[in-house]
Amino acid sequence: MKAVRDLNITWQQTRNFWMDSKASEFQDKYITPLPDAVNSASSIIEDLDKILTKIRRDCE
């Protein structure tokens, strides 16, 4: 999540110079959905970690 926060800070700085419709399109398509995607991926990774930990224990 820190990387997403850092990206948002950099993006806001970029938006000071890039103010056309393509910038808005880029933001809507890539920047805005990113935090939700990262949260979802993080949750899935945590679930996989639990499963892999159980598999390792079961194989010992």
N, C-alpha and C. Protein backbone atom coordinates (compact mmCIF):
# COMPACT_ATOMS: atom_id res chain seq x y z
N MET A 1 0.82 -1.19 0.00
CA MET A 1 0.00 0.00 0.00
C MET A 1 0.87 1.26 0.00
N LYS A 2 2.07 1.16 0.56
CA LYS A 2 2.96 2.32 0.54
C LYS A 2 3.31 2.70 -0.89
N ALA A 3 3.53 1.70 -1.72
CA ALA A 3 3.85 1.97 -3.13
C ALA A 3 2.68 2.68 -3.81
N VAL A 4 1.46 2.31 -3.48
CA VAL A 4 0.28 2.97 -4.06
C VAL A 4 0.21 4.42 -3.58
N ARG A 5 0.48 4.64 -2.30
CA ARG A 5 0.49 6.01 -1.79
C ARG A 5 1.57 6.85 -2.47
N ASP A 6 2.75 6.27 -2.62
CA ASP A 6 3.84 6.98 -3.31
C ASP A 6 3.46 7.29 -4.75
N LEU A 7 2.84 6.33 -5.41
CA LEU A 7 2.40 6.55 -6.79
C LEU A 7 1.37 7.67 -6.86
N ASN A 8 0.43 7.68 -5.93
CA ASN A 8 -0.57 8.74 -5.92
C ASN A 8 0.04 10.12 -5.73
N ILE A 9 1.05 10.22 -4.88
CA ILE A 9 1.74 11.49 -4.69
C ILE A 9 2.41 11.93 -5.98
N THR A 10 3.11 11.00 -6.61
CA THR A 10 3.78 11.30 -7.87
C THR A 10 2.76 11.64 -8.96
N TRP A 11 1.65 10.92 -8.97
CA TRP A 11 0.62 11.19 -9.97
C TRP A 11 0.05 12.61 -9.79
N GLN A 12 -0.19 13.02 -8.55
CA GLN A 12 -0.70 14.37 -8.32
C GLN A 12 0.29 15.42 -8.80
N GLN A 13 1.57 15.17 -8.60
CA GLN A 13 2.59 16.09 -9.11
C GLN A 13 2.57 16.12 -10.63
N THR A 14 2.39 14.96 -11.25
CA THR A 14 2.32 14.87 -12.70
C THR A 14 1.11 15.62 -13.24
N ARG A 15 -0.01 15.50 -12.52
CA ARG A 15 -1.24 16.16 -12.97
C ARG A 15 -1.11 17.69 -12.98
N ASN A 16 -0.15 18.23 -12.26
CA ASN A 16 0.08 19.68 -12.31
C ASN A 16 0.54 20.11 -13.70
N PHE A 17 1.10 19.19 -14.46
CA PHE A 17 1.64 19.50 -15.78
C PHE A 17 0.86 18.82 -16.91
N TRP A 18 0.25 17.70 -16.62
CA TRP A 18 -0.48 16.94 -17.63
C TRP A 18 -1.96 17.07 -17.33
N MET A 19 -2.63 17.96 -18.04
CA MET A 19 -4.01 18.32 -17.67
C MET A 19 -5.02 18.08 -18.79
N ASP A 20 -4.69 17.27 -19.76
CA ASP A 20 -5.62 17.08 -20.87
C ASP A 20 -6.54 15.88 -20.63
N SER A 21 -7.36 15.60 -21.63
CA SER A 21 -8.33 14.51 -21.49
C SER A 21 -7.65 13.14 -21.37
N LYS A 22 -6.48 12.99 -21.98
CA LYS A 22 -5.75 11.72 -21.88
C LYS A 22 -5.28 11.48 -20.45
N ALA A 23 -4.93 12.54 -19.75
CA ALA A 23 -4.53 12.40 -18.34
C ALA A 23 -5.72 11.91 -17.51
N SER A 24 -6.88 12.48 -17.77
CA SER A 24 -8.09 12.04 -17.05
C SER A 24 -8.42 10.60 -17.39
N GLU A 25 -8.29 10.26 -18.66
CA GLU A 25 -8.54 8.88 -19.09
C GLU A 25 -7.57 7.92 -18.40
N PHE A 26 -6.29 8.28 -18.36
CA PHE A 26 -5.28 7.45 -17.70
C PHE A 26 -5.61 7.28 -16.22
N GLN A 27 -6.00 8.37 -15.58
CA GLN A 27 -6.34 8.30 -14.16
C GLN A 27 -7.53 7.38 -13.94
N ASP A 28 -8.57 7.55 -14.74
CA ASP A 28 -9.77 6.72 -14.58
C ASP A 28 -9.49 5.24 -14.85
N LYS A 29 -8.64 4.98 -15.83
CA LYS A 29 -8.39 3.60 -16.24
C LYS A 29 -7.38 2.88 -15.35
N TYR A 30 -6.35 3.60 -14.88
CA TYR A 30 -5.25 2.93 -14.17
C TYR A 30 -5.07 3.36 -12.71
N ILE A 31 -5.13 4.64 -12.44
CA ILE A 31 -4.80 5.13 -11.10
C ILE A 31 -5.94 4.90 -10.11
N THR A 32 -7.14 5.27 -10.50
CA THR A 32 -8.28 5.17 -9.58
C THR A 32 -8.56 3.73 -9.12
N PRO A 33 -8.55 2.74 -10.02
CA PRO A 33 -8.86 1.37 -9.56
C PRO A 33 -7.70 0.68 -8.84
N LEU A 34 -6.53 1.27 -8.85
CA LEU A 34 -5.36 0.59 -8.30
C LEU A 34 -5.47 0.23 -6.82
N PRO A 35 -5.89 1.11 -5.93
CA PRO A 35 -5.96 0.71 -4.51
C PRO A 35 -6.85 -0.50 -4.26
N ASP A 36 -8.00 -0.55 -4.91
CA ASP A 36 -8.89 -1.70 -4.73
C ASP A 36 -8.25 -2.98 -5.26
N ALA A 37 -7.57 -2.87 -6.40
CA ALA A 37 -6.90 -4.04 -6.97
C ALA A 37 -5.78 -4.54 -6.05
N VAL A 38 -5.04 -3.62 -5.47
CA VAL A 38 -3.96 -4.00 -4.56
C VAL A 38 -4.53 -4.65 -3.30
N ASN A 39 -5.60 -4.10 -2.77
CA ASN A 39 -6.23 -4.70 -1.59
C ASN A 39 -6.73 -6.10 -1.88
N SER A 40 -7.34 -6.26 -3.02
CA SER A 40 -7.84 -7.58 -3.42
C SER A 40 -6.70 -8.57 -3.57
N ALA A 41 -5.65 -8.16 -4.26
CA ALA A 41 -4.50 -9.04 -4.45
C ALA A 41 -3.84 -9.38 -3.12
N SER A 42 -3.75 -8.40 -2.25
CA SER A 42 -3.15 -8.63 -0.93
C SER A 42 -3.94 -9.67 -0.15
N SER A 43 -5.24 -9.56 -0.19
CA SER A 43 -6.10 -10.53 0.50
C SER A 43 -5.92 -11.93 -0.07
N ILE A 44 -5.86 -12.03 -1.37
CA ILE A 44 -5.67 -13.33 -2.02
C ILE A 44 -4.31 -13.92 -1.67
N ILE A 45 -3.29 -13.08 -1.66
CA ILE A 45 -1.94 -13.54 -1.31
C ILE A 45 -1.91 -14.06 0.12
N GLU A 46 -2.59 -13.36 1.03
CA GLU A 46 -2.65 -13.82 2.42
C GLU A 46 -3.34 -15.18 2.50
N ASP A 47 -4.41 -15.37 1.76
CA ASP A 47 -5.10 -16.66 1.74
C ASP A 47 -4.19 -17.76 1.20
N LEU A 48 -3.48 -17.46 0.11
CA LEU A 48 -2.54 -18.44 -0.45
C LEU A 48 -1.43 -18.79 0.54
N ASP A 49 -0.96 -17.79 1.26
CA ASP A 49 0.08 -18.03 2.26
C ASP A 49 -0.43 -19.00 3.34
N LYS A 50 -1.65 -18.83 3.76
CA LYS A 50 -2.23 -19.73 4.76
C LYS A 50 -2.32 -21.15 4.21
N ILE A 51 -2.76 -21.27 2.97
CA ILE A 51 -2.90 -22.59 2.34
C ILE A 51 -1.53 -23.25 2.21
N LEU A 52 -0.54 -22.50 1.74
CA LEU A 52 0.81 -23.06 1.57
C LEU A 52 1.41 -23.45 2.92
N THR A 53 1.17 -22.67 3.93
CA THR A 53 1.66 -23.01 5.27
C THR A 53 1.04 -24.32 5.75
N LYS A 54 -0.26 -24.49 5.52
CA LYS A 54 -0.93 -25.72 5.91
C LYS A 54 -0.37 -26.91 5.12
N ILE A 55 -0.16 -26.72 3.83
CA ILE A 55 0.40 -27.80 3.02
C ILE A 55 1.77 -28.21 3.52
N ARG A 56 2.62 -27.23 3.84
CA ARG A 56 3.96 -27.54 4.36
C ARG A 56 3.87 -28.35 5.64
N ARG A 57 2.97 -27.91 6.55
CA ARG A 57 2.82 -28.63 7.82
C ARG A 57 2.33 -30.06 7.59
N ASP A 58 1.39 -30.21 6.67
CA ASP A 58 0.83 -31.54 6.39
C ASP A 58 1.87 -32.47 5.76
N CYS A 59 2.84 -31.91 5.06
CA CYS A 59 3.86 -32.73 4.39
C CYS A 59 5.02 -33.08 5.30
N GLU A 60 5.09 -32.48 6.45
CA GLU A 60 6.21 -32.76 7.36
C GLU A 60 5.99 -34.03 8.14
